[in-house]
Amino acid sequence: ELLDALGQMMPRLAIDGLGGDHGRRMMLALRAGGAFVMHSLPNGQVPAMSPSLLMYQQISLHGFNLAQWVDEKGVDEYMQMLSTIGELVQAGSLNLFTRTLRVDELNAATLRTALASHRAVQT
């Protein structure tokens, strides 16, 4: 019932820079068919993931190494990527949002409120 109430408001993409339990929680928050990207593991712990998320929720798992990407693509392409991200943010096509909710406060209404700034932009 809770997931039905959220519907398409659940994020399609999670970018994890911490690993460990943080990554697991981000993965759980994704909608079915979402993508999870790891780009850094400062604590050395990979996210503890459930195989059922990969199999039944069709969550895809990706790794990204920014330093390697810059070595391969070059500084100019890196600067172009940052410029493109800035343009997407200014145009309202890319949004960054974070919310912290206490577990005892979780229900459909509080989640709808917390996700109110999230817009699913279909292209």
N, C-alpha and C. Protein backbone atom coordinates (compact mmCIF):
# COMPACT_ATOMS: atom_id res chain seq x y z
N GLU A 1 0.83 -1.19 0.00
CA GLU A 1 0.00 0.00 0.00
C GLU A 1 0.87 1.26 0.00
N LEU A 2 1.93 1.23 0.79
CA LEU A 2 2.81 2.39 0.86
C LEU A 2 3.50 2.65 -0.47
N LEU A 3 4.01 1.58 -1.09
CA LEU A 3 4.68 1.75 -2.38
C LEU A 3 3.70 2.17 -3.46
N ASP A 4 2.47 1.67 -3.41
CA ASP A 4 1.46 2.10 -4.37
C ASP A 4 1.16 3.58 -4.21
N ALA A 5 1.12 4.05 -2.96
CA ALA A 5 0.85 5.46 -2.70
C ALA A 5 1.95 6.34 -3.26
N LEU A 6 3.17 5.87 -3.23
CA LEU A 6 4.29 6.67 -3.74
C LEU A 6 4.35 6.66 -5.26
N GLY A 7 4.00 5.51 -5.83
CA GLY A 7 3.99 5.40 -7.28
C GLY A 7 5.28 5.83 -7.93
N GLN A 8 5.15 6.68 -8.91
CA GLN A 8 6.30 7.12 -9.70
C GLN A 8 7.14 8.19 -9.01
N MET A 9 6.80 8.55 -7.78
CA MET A 9 7.58 9.56 -7.07
C MET A 9 8.90 9.00 -6.55
N MET A 10 9.06 7.69 -6.53
CA MET A 10 10.32 7.10 -6.06
C MET A 10 11.40 7.38 -7.10
N PRO A 11 12.63 7.64 -6.65
CA PRO A 11 13.70 8.00 -7.59
C PRO A 11 14.07 6.85 -8.52
N ARG A 12 14.53 7.23 -9.71
CA ARG A 12 14.99 6.26 -10.71
C ARG A 12 16.49 6.03 -10.63
N LEU A 13 17.20 6.95 -9.98
CA LEU A 13 18.66 6.90 -9.96
C LEU A 13 19.17 7.21 -8.57
N ALA A 14 20.13 6.41 -8.10
CA ALA A 14 20.83 6.69 -6.85
C ALA A 14 22.32 6.65 -7.14
N ILE A 15 23.03 7.69 -6.70
CA ILE A 15 24.48 7.76 -6.88
C ILE A 15 25.11 7.69 -5.51
N ASP A 16 25.83 6.62 -5.25
CA ASP A 16 26.37 6.34 -3.92
C ASP A 16 27.86 6.66 -3.86
N GLY A 17 28.20 7.56 -2.96
CA GLY A 17 29.59 7.90 -2.75
C GLY A 17 30.12 7.43 -1.41
N LEU A 18 29.33 6.63 -0.68
CA LEU A 18 29.73 6.18 0.65
C LEU A 18 29.88 4.68 0.78
N GLY A 19 29.01 3.91 0.15
CA GLY A 19 29.04 2.45 0.29
C GLY A 19 28.41 2.01 1.60
N GLY A 20 28.61 0.77 1.96
CA GLY A 20 28.10 0.23 3.22
C GLY A 20 26.59 0.33 3.34
N ASP A 21 26.11 0.60 4.55
CA ASP A 21 24.68 0.65 4.83
C ASP A 21 24.00 1.82 4.11
N HIS A 22 24.73 2.91 3.89
CA HIS A 22 24.16 4.05 3.16
C HIS A 22 23.72 3.62 1.77
N GLY A 23 24.57 2.88 1.09
CA GLY A 23 24.25 2.40 -0.25
C GLY A 23 23.06 1.46 -0.25
N ARG A 24 22.99 0.59 0.75
CA ARG A 24 21.86 -0.35 0.85
C ARG A 24 20.55 0.42 0.98
N ARG A 25 20.55 1.44 1.83
CA ARG A 25 19.32 2.22 2.02
C ARG A 25 18.93 2.97 0.75
N MET A 26 19.92 3.48 0.04
CA MET A 26 19.62 4.17 -1.21
C MET A 26 19.03 3.21 -2.23
N MET A 27 19.58 2.01 -2.29
CA MET A 27 19.10 1.01 -3.22
C MET A 27 17.64 0.63 -2.93
N LEU A 28 17.32 0.51 -1.65
CA LEU A 28 15.95 0.17 -1.25
C LEU A 28 14.96 1.26 -1.63
N ALA A 29 15.42 2.50 -1.72
CA ALA A 29 14.53 3.62 -2.02
C ALA A 29 14.20 3.75 -3.50
N LEU A 30 14.92 3.03 -4.36
CA LEU A 30 14.70 3.14 -5.80
C LEU A 30 13.40 2.48 -6.23
N ARG A 31 12.80 3.03 -7.24
CA ARG A 31 11.62 2.39 -7.84
C ARG A 31 12.07 1.18 -8.64
N ALA A 32 11.16 0.30 -8.94
CA ALA A 32 11.47 -0.87 -9.76
C ALA A 32 12.05 -0.40 -11.09
N GLY A 33 13.12 -1.06 -11.52
CA GLY A 33 13.78 -0.69 -12.77
C GLY A 33 14.78 0.44 -12.62
N GLY A 34 15.03 0.89 -11.39
CA GLY A 34 15.96 2.00 -11.14
C GLY A 34 17.41 1.59 -11.33
N ALA A 35 18.28 2.58 -11.29
CA ALA A 35 19.72 2.36 -11.47
C ALA A 35 20.48 2.85 -10.24
N PHE A 36 21.43 2.05 -9.80
CA PHE A 36 22.27 2.37 -8.65
C PHE A 36 23.71 2.47 -9.14
N VAL A 37 24.35 3.63 -8.90
CA VAL A 37 25.71 3.87 -9.36
C VAL A 37 26.62 4.09 -8.16
N MET A 38 27.68 3.30 -8.08
CA MET A 38 28.72 3.49 -7.05
C MET A 38 29.87 4.24 -7.70
N HIS A 39 30.31 5.33 -7.07
CA HIS A 39 31.45 6.04 -7.64
C HIS A 39 32.59 6.22 -6.65
N SER A 40 32.38 5.84 -5.40
CA SER A 40 33.43 5.99 -4.41
C SER A 40 33.11 5.10 -3.22
N LEU A 41 34.12 4.57 -2.61
CA LEU A 41 33.93 3.74 -1.41
C LEU A 41 34.96 4.18 -0.37
N PRO A 42 34.79 5.37 0.21
CA PRO A 42 35.80 5.88 1.14
C PRO A 42 35.99 5.01 2.38
N ASN A 43 34.94 4.29 2.78
CA ASN A 43 35.06 3.42 3.95
C ASN A 43 35.46 2.00 3.57
N GLY A 44 35.60 1.75 2.26
CA GLY A 44 36.01 0.44 1.79
C GLY A 44 34.93 -0.62 1.82
N GLN A 45 33.69 -0.23 2.14
CA GLN A 45 32.60 -1.21 2.23
C GLN A 45 31.67 -1.06 1.03
N VAL A 46 31.51 -2.15 0.30
CA VAL A 46 30.52 -2.13 -0.78
C VAL A 46 29.13 -2.16 -0.16
N PRO A 47 28.13 -1.64 -0.87
CA PRO A 47 26.77 -1.68 -0.32
C PRO A 47 26.31 -3.12 -0.10
N ALA A 48 25.65 -3.34 1.03
CA ALA A 48 25.07 -4.66 1.32
C ALA A 48 23.76 -4.73 0.55
N MET A 49 23.77 -5.45 -0.55
CA MET A 49 22.58 -5.47 -1.40
C MET A 49 21.89 -6.83 -1.37
N SER A 50 20.62 -6.78 -1.53
CA SER A 50 19.82 -7.99 -1.56
C SER A 50 19.70 -8.48 -3.00
N PRO A 51 19.99 -9.75 -3.25
CA PRO A 51 19.80 -10.27 -4.61
C PRO A 51 18.37 -10.10 -5.12
N SER A 52 17.39 -10.07 -4.21
CA SER A 52 16.01 -9.91 -4.65
C SER A 52 15.78 -8.54 -5.29
N LEU A 53 16.52 -7.52 -4.85
CA LEU A 53 16.40 -6.21 -5.50
C LEU A 53 16.84 -6.29 -6.95
N LEU A 54 17.93 -6.99 -7.18
CA LEU A 54 18.44 -7.11 -8.53
C LEU A 54 17.53 -7.96 -9.40
N MET A 55 17.03 -9.05 -8.82
CA MET A 55 16.22 -10.00 -9.60
C MET A 55 14.77 -9.56 -9.77
N TYR A 56 14.11 -9.22 -8.68
CA TYR A 56 12.67 -8.98 -8.73
C TYR A 56 12.31 -7.52 -8.95
N GLN A 57 13.12 -6.60 -8.45
CA GLN A 57 12.85 -5.18 -8.67
C GLN A 57 13.61 -4.65 -9.89
N GLN A 58 14.44 -5.51 -10.50
CA GLN A 58 15.19 -5.15 -11.70
C GLN A 58 16.04 -3.89 -11.51
N ILE A 59 16.64 -3.77 -10.31
CA ILE A 59 17.56 -2.66 -10.04
C ILE A 59 18.88 -2.98 -10.73
N SER A 60 19.38 -2.04 -11.50
CA SER A 60 20.66 -2.27 -12.17
C SER A 60 21.78 -1.62 -11.36
N LEU A 61 22.92 -2.26 -11.36
CA LEU A 61 24.07 -1.86 -10.57
C LEU A 61 25.20 -1.45 -11.50
N HIS A 62 25.78 -0.26 -11.25
CA HIS A 62 26.83 0.25 -12.11
C HIS A 62 27.97 0.79 -11.25
N GLY A 63 29.17 0.74 -11.77
CA GLY A 63 30.32 1.35 -11.13
C GLY A 63 30.85 2.47 -12.00
N PHE A 64 31.35 3.53 -11.37
CA PHE A 64 31.88 4.66 -12.12
C PHE A 64 33.13 5.18 -11.42
N ASN A 65 34.21 5.30 -12.16
CA ASN A 65 35.46 5.80 -11.63
C ASN A 65 35.76 7.13 -12.32
N LEU A 66 35.51 8.24 -11.62
CA LEU A 66 35.67 9.56 -12.22
C LEU A 66 37.10 9.82 -12.67
N ALA A 67 38.08 9.45 -11.85
CA ALA A 67 39.48 9.70 -12.21
C ALA A 67 39.83 8.96 -13.50
N GLN A 68 39.38 7.73 -13.64
CA GLN A 68 39.65 6.97 -14.85
C GLN A 68 38.94 7.60 -16.05
N TRP A 69 37.70 8.05 -15.84
CA TRP A 69 36.94 8.67 -16.91
C TRP A 69 37.65 9.93 -17.41
N VAL A 70 38.14 10.76 -16.49
CA VAL A 70 38.85 11.98 -16.88
C VAL A 70 40.15 11.64 -17.60
N ASP A 71 40.85 10.60 -17.14
CA ASP A 71 42.08 10.17 -17.84
C ASP A 71 41.77 9.77 -19.28
N GLU A 72 40.64 9.07 -19.47
CA GLU A 72 40.27 8.58 -20.80
C GLU A 72 39.71 9.69 -21.69
N LYS A 73 38.86 10.56 -21.13
CA LYS A 73 38.15 11.57 -21.91
C LYS A 73 38.88 12.90 -22.00
N GLY A 74 39.65 13.23 -20.97
CA GLY A 74 40.38 14.50 -20.97
C GLY A 74 39.67 15.57 -20.15
N VAL A 75 40.44 16.58 -19.79
CA VAL A 75 39.94 17.66 -18.94
C VAL A 75 38.87 18.49 -19.66
N ASP A 76 39.03 18.71 -20.97
CA ASP A 76 38.04 19.50 -21.70
C ASP A 76 36.66 18.86 -21.66
N GLU A 77 36.61 17.55 -21.86
CA GLU A 77 35.31 16.87 -21.81
C GLU A 77 34.74 16.87 -20.39
N TYR A 78 35.60 16.80 -19.39
CA TYR A 78 35.17 16.90 -17.99
C TYR A 78 34.53 18.26 -17.73
N MET A 79 35.18 19.31 -18.20
CA MET A 79 34.63 20.66 -18.02
C MET A 79 33.31 20.81 -18.76
N GLN A 80 33.19 20.20 -19.94
CA GLN A 80 31.94 20.24 -20.70
C GLN A 80 30.83 19.51 -19.95
N MET A 81 31.18 18.38 -19.33
CA MET A 81 30.19 17.63 -18.54
C MET A 81 29.68 18.49 -17.39
N LEU A 82 30.59 19.16 -16.67
CA LEU A 82 30.18 20.01 -15.55
C LEU A 82 29.29 21.16 -16.03
N SER A 83 29.62 21.72 -17.17
CA SER A 83 28.81 22.79 -17.75
C SER A 83 27.41 22.29 -18.10
N THR A 84 27.34 21.10 -18.69
CA THR A 84 26.05 20.51 -19.04
C THR A 84 25.20 20.25 -17.81
N ILE A 85 25.82 19.75 -16.75
CA ILE A 85 25.09 19.52 -15.50
C ILE A 85 24.53 20.83 -14.97
N GLY A 86 25.35 21.89 -14.99
CA GLY A 86 24.89 23.20 -14.55
C GLY A 86 23.71 23.70 -15.36
N GLU A 87 23.76 23.51 -16.68
CA GLU A 87 22.66 23.92 -17.55
C GLU A 87 21.38 23.14 -17.24
N LEU A 88 21.51 21.83 -16.98
CA LEU A 88 20.34 21.02 -16.64
C LEU A 88 19.72 21.47 -15.33
N VAL A 89 20.56 21.80 -14.35
CA VAL A 89 20.05 22.29 -13.06
C VAL A 89 19.32 23.61 -13.27
N GLN A 90 19.93 24.55 -14.01
CA GLN A 90 19.32 25.85 -14.26
C GLN A 90 18.00 25.73 -15.01
N ALA A 91 17.91 24.76 -15.91
CA ALA A 91 16.69 24.56 -16.69
C ALA A 91 15.61 23.82 -15.89
N GLY A 92 15.97 23.32 -14.72
CA GLY A 92 15.00 22.58 -13.91
C GLY A 92 14.83 21.14 -14.34
N SER A 93 15.73 20.65 -15.21
CA SER A 93 15.64 19.27 -15.68
C SER A 93 16.38 18.29 -14.79
N LEU A 94 17.27 18.79 -13.93
CA LEU A 94 18.02 17.95 -13.01
C LEU A 94 17.88 18.55 -11.63
N ASN A 95 17.43 17.74 -10.70
CA ASN A 95 17.20 18.22 -9.34
C ASN A 95 17.93 17.35 -8.35
N LEU A 96 18.46 17.99 -7.33
CA LEU A 96 19.10 17.28 -6.23
C LEU A 96 18.26 17.54 -4.99
N PHE A 97 17.88 16.48 -4.31
CA PHE A 97 17.11 16.67 -3.09
C PHE A 97 17.51 15.62 -2.08
N THR A 98 17.45 16.00 -0.84
CA THR A 98 17.69 15.07 0.25
C THR A 98 16.65 15.31 1.32
N ARG A 99 16.25 14.27 1.97
CA ARG A 99 15.30 14.35 3.08
C ARG A 99 15.70 13.32 4.11
N THR A 100 15.54 13.64 5.36
CA THR A 100 15.77 12.69 6.44
C THR A 100 14.46 12.52 7.20
N LEU A 101 14.02 11.30 7.33
CA LEU A 101 12.80 10.99 8.05
C LEU A 101 13.10 9.97 9.13
N ARG A 102 12.51 10.15 10.27
CA ARG A 102 12.63 9.14 11.33
C ARG A 102 11.76 7.95 10.96
N VAL A 103 12.22 6.76 11.26
CA VAL A 103 11.49 5.55 10.89
C VAL A 103 10.10 5.56 11.51
N ASP A 104 9.97 6.04 12.75
CA ASP A 104 8.65 6.03 13.38
C ASP A 104 7.69 7.06 12.77
N GLU A 105 8.19 7.92 11.86
CA GLU A 105 7.35 8.90 11.19
C GLU A 105 6.93 8.46 9.80
N LEU A 106 7.40 7.30 9.35
CA LEU A 106 7.13 6.87 7.99
C LEU A 106 5.68 6.43 7.80
N ASN A 107 5.03 7.08 6.89
CA ASN A 107 3.72 6.67 6.40
C ASN A 107 3.55 7.34 5.04
N ALA A 108 2.48 7.03 4.34
CA ALA A 108 2.30 7.54 2.98
C ALA A 108 2.28 9.07 2.96
N ALA A 109 1.63 9.70 3.93
CA ALA A 109 1.53 11.16 3.93
C ALA A 109 2.89 11.84 4.15
N THR A 110 3.68 11.35 5.11
CA THR A 110 4.97 11.99 5.36
C THR A 110 5.93 11.77 4.19
N LEU A 111 5.85 10.61 3.54
CA LEU A 111 6.71 10.37 2.38
C LEU A 111 6.31 11.24 1.20
N ARG A 112 5.00 11.42 0.98
CA ARG A 112 4.56 12.31 -0.09
C ARG A 112 5.07 13.73 0.14
N THR A 113 4.98 14.20 1.37
CA THR A 113 5.46 15.53 1.71
C THR A 113 6.97 15.64 1.50
N ALA A 114 7.71 14.63 1.96
CA ALA A 114 9.16 14.65 1.83
C ALA A 114 9.60 14.63 0.37
N LEU A 115 8.84 13.97 -0.48
CA LEU A 115 9.20 13.84 -1.88
C LEU A 115 8.55 14.90 -2.76
N ALA A 116 7.88 15.87 -2.16
CA ALA A 116 7.14 16.87 -2.92
C ALA A 116 8.01 17.64 -3.90
N SER A 117 9.28 17.85 -3.56
CA SER A 117 10.15 18.62 -4.47
C SER A 117 10.69 17.77 -5.61
N HIS A 118 10.48 16.46 -5.56
CA HIS A 118 10.97 15.57 -6.60
C HIS A 118 10.01 15.58 -7.77
N ARG A 119 10.55 15.85 -8.93
CA ARG A 119 9.73 15.83 -10.13
C ARG A 119 10.26 14.75 -11.06
N ALA A 120 9.38 13.89 -11.51
CA ALA A 120 9.77 12.86 -12.47
C ALA A 120 9.71 13.48 -13.86
N VAL A 121 10.85 13.77 -14.43
CA VAL A 121 10.91 14.39 -15.75
C VAL A 121 11.12 13.28 -16.76
N GLN A 122 10.14 13.08 -17.60
CA GLN A 122 10.22 12.05 -18.63
C GLN A 122 10.71 12.70 -19.91
N THR A 123 11.68 12.05 -20.57
CA THR A 123 12.16 12.58 -21.85
C THR A 123 11.98 11.56 -22.93
